[in-house]
Amino acid sequence: MLTRFMGPRYRELAKNWIPTVGMWSAVGAVGLVWMTDWRLILDWVPYINGKFKKDD
């Protein structure tokens, strides 16, 4: 449906911006983890979750 509204010029522009948008998304995700409580987010990662067991 979206290709109906986008001409070949805009499709080519969108294809060229995919790596840039992907990189900024990754930077934003790392920034979000850095700004928030990193344990809250990294507890959902299976490998890292086992490294930081709580001593209760």
PDB file of N, CA and C in Angstrom:
ATOM      1  N   MET A   1       0.827  -1.186   0.000  1.00  0.00           N
ATOM      2  CA  MET A   1       0.000   0.000   0.000  1.00  0.00           C
ATOM      3  C   MET A   1       0.877   1.258   0.000  1.00  0.00           C
ATOM      4  N   LEU A   2       1.953   1.220   0.769  1.00  0.00           N
ATOM      5  CA  LEU A   2       2.828   2.375   0.842  1.00  0.00           C
ATOM      6  C   LEU A   2       3.544   2.620  -0.483  1.00  0.00           C
ATOM      7  N   THR A   3       3.829   1.554  -1.223  1.00  0.00           N
ATOM      8  CA  THR A   3       4.527   1.719  -2.502  1.00  0.00           C
ATOM      9  C   THR A   3       3.642   2.400  -3.536  1.00  0.00           C
ATOM     10  N   ARG A   4       2.343   2.353  -3.330  1.00  0.00           N
ATOM     11  CA  ARG A   4       1.437   3.035  -4.249  1.00  0.00           C
ATOM     12  C   ARG A   4       1.604   4.551  -4.165  1.00  0.00           C
ATOM     13  N   PHE A   5       1.891   5.050  -2.957  1.00  0.00           N
ATOM     14  CA  PHE A   5       2.040   6.489  -2.768  1.00  0.00           C
ATOM     15  C   PHE A   5       3.468   6.972  -2.986  1.00  0.00           C
ATOM     16  N   MET A   6       4.409   6.067  -2.907  1.00  0.00           N
ATOM     17  CA  MET A   6       5.816   6.428  -3.064  1.00  0.00           C
ATOM     18  C   MET A   6       6.269   6.123  -4.488  1.00  0.00           C
ATOM     19  N   GLY A   7       6.854   7.098  -5.108  1.00  0.00           N
ATOM     20  CA  GLY A   7       7.393   6.883  -6.431  1.00  0.00           C
ATOM     21  C   GLY A   7       8.773   6.251  -6.348  1.00  0.00           C
ATOM     22  N   PRO A   8       9.398   5.975  -7.482  1.00  0.00           N
ATOM     23  CA  PRO A   8      10.719   5.337  -7.465  1.00  0.00           C
ATOM     24  C   PRO A   8      11.789   6.214  -6.815  1.00  0.00           C
ATOM     25  N   ARG A   9      11.641   7.519  -6.925  1.00  0.00           N
ATOM     26  CA  ARG A   9      12.626   8.419  -6.312  1.00  0.00           C
ATOM     27  C   ARG A   9      12.597   8.298  -4.796  1.00  0.00           C
ATOM     28  N   TYR A  10      11.403   8.283  -4.222  1.00  0.00           N
ATOM     29  CA  TYR A  10      11.279   8.206  -2.773  1.00  0.00           C
ATOM     30  C   TYR A  10      11.637   6.816  -2.255  1.00  0.00           C
ATOM     31  N   ARG A  11      11.376   5.794  -3.041  1.00  0.00           N
ATOM     32  CA  ARG A  11      11.797   4.447  -2.652  1.00  0.00           C
ATOM     33  C   ARG A  11      13.319   4.361  -2.580  1.00  0.00           C
ATOM     34  N   GLU A  12      13.998   4.975  -3.529  1.00  0.00           N
ATOM     35  CA  GLU A  12      15.459   4.982  -3.541  1.00  0.00           C
ATOM     36  C   GLU A  12      16.006   5.790  -2.357  1.00  0.00           C
ATOM     37  N   LEU A  13      15.390   6.921  -2.065  1.00  0.00           N
ATOM     38  CA  LEU A  13      15.812   7.716  -0.902  1.00  0.00           C
ATOM     39  C   LEU A  13      15.620   6.944   0.405  1.00  0.00           C
ATOM     40  N   ALA A  14      14.493   6.261   0.524  1.00  0.00           N
ATOM     41  CA  ALA A  14      14.234   5.479   1.735  1.00  0.00           C
ATOM     42  C   ALA A  14      15.241   4.342   1.862  1.00  0.00           C
ATOM     43  N   LYS A  15      15.591   3.716   0.757  1.00  0.00           N
ATOM     44  CA  LYS A  15      16.572   2.638   0.784  1.00  0.00           C
ATOM     45  C   LYS A  15      17.947   3.152   1.212  1.00  0.00           C
ATOM     46  N   ASN A  16      18.292   4.366   0.816  1.00  0.00           N
ATOM     47  CA  ASN A  16      19.578   4.937   1.196  1.00  0.00           C
ATOM     48  C   ASN A  16      19.633   5.325   2.672  1.00  0.00           C
ATOM     49  N   TRP A  17      18.481   5.624   3.283  1.00  0.00           N
ATOM     50  CA  TRP A  17      18.453   6.065   4.675  1.00  0.00           C
ATOM     51  C   TRP A  17      18.358   4.912   5.666  1.00  0.00           C
ATOM     52  N   ILE A  18      18.143   3.699   5.207  1.00  0.00           N
ATOM     53  CA  ILE A  18      17.980   2.553   6.113  1.00  0.00           C
ATOM     54  C   ILE A  18      19.202   2.353   7.024  1.00  0.00           C
ATOM     55  N   PRO A  19      20.450   2.380   6.529  1.00  0.00           N
ATOM     56  CA  PRO A  19      21.590   2.210   7.456  1.00  0.00           C
ATOM     57  C   PRO A  19      21.703   3.336   8.484  1.00  0.00           C
ATOM     58  N   THR A  20      21.408   4.562   8.079  1.00  0.00           N
ATOM     59  CA  THR A  20      21.489   5.690   9.004  1.00  0.00           C
ATOM     60  C   THR A  20      20.440   5.571  10.098  1.00  0.00           C
ATOM     61  N   VAL A  21      19.235   5.239   9.723  1.00  0.00           N
ATOM     62  CA  VAL A  21      18.163   5.081  10.715  1.00  0.00           C
ATOM     63  C   VAL A  21      18.470   3.915  11.647  1.00  0.00           C
ATOM     64  N   GLY A  22      19.010   2.844  11.110  1.00  0.00           N
ATOM     65  CA  GLY A  22      19.386   1.708  11.956  1.00  0.00           C
ATOM     66  C   GLY A  22      20.464   2.064  12.963  1.00  0.00           C
ATOM     67  N   MET A  23      21.460   2.835  12.528  1.00  0.00           N
ATOM     68  CA  MET A  23      22.537   3.225  13.430  1.00  0.00           C
ATOM     69  C   MET A  23      22.020   4.153  14.525  1.00  0.00           C
ATOM     70  N   TRP A  24      21.196   5.138  14.169  1.00  0.00           N
ATOM     71  CA  TRP A  24      20.658   6.041  15.182  1.00  0.00           C
ATOM     72  C   TRP A  24      19.720   5.315  16.136  1.00  0.00           C
ATOM     73  N   SER A  25      19.024   4.310  15.657  1.00  0.00           N
ATOM     74  CA  SER A  25      18.173   3.507  16.546  1.00  0.00           C
ATOM     75  C   SER A  25      19.019   2.750  17.554  1.00  0.00           C
ATOM     76  N   ALA A  26      20.133   2.194  17.093  1.00  0.00           N
ATOM     77  CA  ALA A  26      21.026   1.478  18.010  1.00  0.00           C
ATOM     78  C   ALA A  26      21.629   2.439  19.038  1.00  0.00           C
ATOM     79  N   VAL A  27      22.026   3.620  18.603  1.00  0.00           N
ATOM     80  CA  VAL A  27      22.573   4.616  19.525  1.00  0.00           C
ATOM     81  C   VAL A  27      21.505   5.031  20.540  1.00  0.00           C
ATOM     82  N   GLY A  28      20.281   5.200  20.078  1.00  0.00           N
ATOM     83  CA  GLY A  28      19.196   5.557  20.989  1.00  0.00           C
ATOM     84  C   GLY A  28      18.908   4.457  21.998  1.00  0.00           C
ATOM     85  N   ALA A  29      18.976   3.201  21.563  1.00  0.00           N
ATOM     86  CA  ALA A  29      18.737   2.085  22.485  1.00  0.00           C
ATOM     87  C   ALA A  29      19.835   2.019  23.546  1.00  0.00           C
ATOM     88  N   VAL A  30      21.083   2.191  23.143  1.00  0.00           N
ATOM     89  CA  VAL A  30      22.191   2.193  24.108  1.00  0.00           C
ATOM     90  C   VAL A  30      22.054   3.384  25.055  1.00  0.00           C
ATOM     91  N   GLY A  31      21.659   4.534  24.535  1.00  0.00           N
ATOM     92  CA  GLY A  31      21.453   5.705  25.380  1.00  0.00           C
ATOM     93  C   GLY A  31      20.328   5.493  26.372  1.00  0.00           C
ATOM     94  N   LEU A  32      19.284   4.813  25.961  1.00  0.00           N
ATOM     95  CA  LEU A  32      18.173   4.524  26.867  1.00  0.00           C
ATOM     96  C   LEU A  32      18.617   3.609  27.994  1.00  0.00           C
ATOM     97  N   VAL A  33      19.400   2.583  27.663  1.00  0.00           N
ATOM     98  CA  VAL A  33      19.920   1.689  28.702  1.00  0.00           C
ATOM     99  C   VAL A  33      20.850   2.460  29.632  1.00  0.00           C
ATOM    100  N   TRP A  34      21.652   3.356  29.092  1.00  0.00           N
ATOM    101  CA  TRP A  34      22.587   4.129  29.911  1.00  0.00           C
ATOM    102  C   TRP A  34      21.861   5.079  30.853  1.00  0.00           C
ATOM    103  N   MET A  35      20.784   5.708  30.367  1.00  0.00           N
ATOM    104  CA  MET A  35      20.071   6.693  31.179  1.00  0.00           C
ATOM    105  C   MET A  35      19.170   6.052  32.229  1.00  0.00           C
ATOM    106  N   THR A  36      18.677   4.860  31.953  1.00  0.00           N
ATOM    107  CA  THR A  36      17.778   4.209  32.907  1.00  0.00           C
ATOM    108  C   THR A  36      18.573   3.267  33.796  1.00  0.00           C
ATOM    109  N   ASP A  37      17.891   2.581  34.646  1.00  0.00           N
ATOM    110  CA  ASP A  37      18.524   1.581  35.498  1.00  0.00           C
ATOM    111  C   ASP A  37      18.938   0.409  34.625  1.00  0.00           C
ATOM    112  N   TRP A  38      20.226   0.227  34.409  1.00  0.00           N
ATOM    113  CA  TRP A  38      20.698  -0.779  33.469  1.00  0.00           C
ATOM    114  C   TRP A  38      20.330  -2.187  33.897  1.00  0.00           C
ATOM    115  N   ARG A  39      20.223  -2.441  35.203  1.00  0.00           N
ATOM    116  CA  ARG A  39      19.831  -3.781  35.665  1.00  0.00           C
ATOM    117  C   ARG A  39      18.391  -4.099  35.287  1.00  0.00           C
ATOM    118  N   LEU A  40      17.553  -3.098  35.285  1.00  0.00           N
ATOM    119  CA  LEU A  40      16.152  -3.299  34.940  1.00  0.00           C
ATOM    120  C   LEU A  40      16.014  -3.823  33.522  1.00  0.00           C
ATOM    121  N   ILE A  41      16.799  -3.297  32.605  1.00  0.00           N
ATOM    122  CA  ILE A  41      16.714  -3.704  31.203  1.00  0.00           C
ATOM    123  C   ILE A  41      17.534  -4.960  30.946  1.00  0.00           C
ATOM    124  N   LEU A  42      18.748  -5.026  31.497  1.00  0.00           N
ATOM    125  CA  LEU A  42      19.625  -6.159  31.202  1.00  0.00           C
ATOM    126  C   LEU A  42      19.217  -7.429  31.932  1.00  0.00           C
ATOM    127  N   ASP A  43      18.309  -7.357  32.863  1.00  0.00           N
ATOM    128  CA  ASP A  43      17.786  -8.575  33.482  1.00  0.00           C
ATOM    129  C   ASP A  43      16.984  -9.407  32.486  1.00  0.00           C
ATOM    130  N   TRP A  44      16.566  -8.827  31.400  1.00  0.00           N
ATOM    131  CA  TRP A  44      15.809  -9.552  30.379  1.00  0.00           C
ATOM    132  C   TRP A  44      16.718 -10.237  29.363  1.00  0.00           C
ATOM    133  N   VAL A  45      18.017  -9.940  29.386  1.00  0.00           N
ATOM    134  CA  VAL A  45      18.963 -10.587  28.474  1.00  0.00           C
ATOM    135  C   VAL A  45      19.422 -11.886  29.134  1.00  0.00           C
ATOM    136  N   PRO A  46      19.185 -13.042  28.508  1.00  0.00           N
ATOM    137  CA  PRO A  46      19.427 -14.320  29.190  1.00  0.00           C
ATOM    138  C   PRO A  46      20.874 -14.518  29.661  1.00  0.00           C
ATOM    139  N   TYR A  47      21.867 -14.248  28.851  1.00  0.00           N
ATOM    140  CA  TYR A  47      23.257 -14.502  29.243  1.00  0.00           C
ATOM    141  C   TYR A  47      23.696 -13.575  30.375  1.00  0.00           C
ATOM    142  N   ILE A  48      23.333 -12.318  30.291  1.00  0.00           N
ATOM    143  CA  ILE A  48      23.756 -11.341  31.292  1.00  0.00           C
ATOM    144  C   ILE A  48      22.973 -11.523  32.590  1.00  0.00           C
ATOM    145  N   ASN A  49      21.750 -11.998  32.482  1.00  0.00           N
ATOM    146  CA  ASN A  49      20.909 -12.182  33.657  1.00  0.00           C
ATOM    147  C   ASN A  49      21.552 -13.145  34.650  1.00  0.00           C
ATOM    148  N   GLY A  50      22.238 -14.183  34.191  1.00  0.00           N
ATOM    149  CA  GLY A  50      22.857 -15.153  35.085  1.00  0.00           C
ATOM    150  C   GLY A  50      24.095 -14.628  35.787  1.00  0.00           C
ATOM    151  N   LYS A  51      24.712 -13.588  35.267  1.00  0.00           N
ATOM    152  CA  LYS A  51      25.941 -13.059  35.861  1.00  0.00           C
ATOM    153  C   LYS A  51      25.685 -12.235  37.119  1.00  0.00           C
ATOM    154  N   PHE A  52      24.512 -11.644  37.220  1.00  0.00           N
ATOM    155  CA  PHE A  52      24.240 -10.726  38.320  1.00  0.00           C
ATOM    156  C   PHE A  52      23.136 -11.272  39.221  1.00  0.00           C
ATOM    157  N   LYS A  53      23.371 -12.402  39.821  1.00  0.00           N
ATOM    158  CA  LYS A  53      22.388 -12.967  40.745  1.00  0.00           C
ATOM    159  C   LYS A  53      22.398 -12.147  42.030  1.00  0.00           C
ATOM    160  N   LYS A  54      21.212 -11.948  42.587  1.00  0.00           N
ATOM    161  CA  LYS A  54      21.095 -11.200  43.838  1.00  0.00           C
ATOM    162  C   LYS A  54      21.419 -12.111  45.012  1.00  0.00           C
ATOM    163  N   ASP A  55      22.189 -11.612  45.953  1.00  0.00           N
ATOM    164  CA  ASP A  55      22.533 -12.374  47.148  1.00  0.00           C
ATOM    165  C   ASP A  55      21.495 -12.117  48.218  1.00  0.00           C
ATOM    166  N   ASP A  56      20.490 -12.969  48.270  1.00  0.00           N
ATOM    167  CA  ASP A  56      19.423 -12.803  49.276  1.00  0.00           C
ATOM    168  C   ASP A  56      19.688 -13.668  50.478  1.00  0.00           C
TER     169      ASP A  56
END
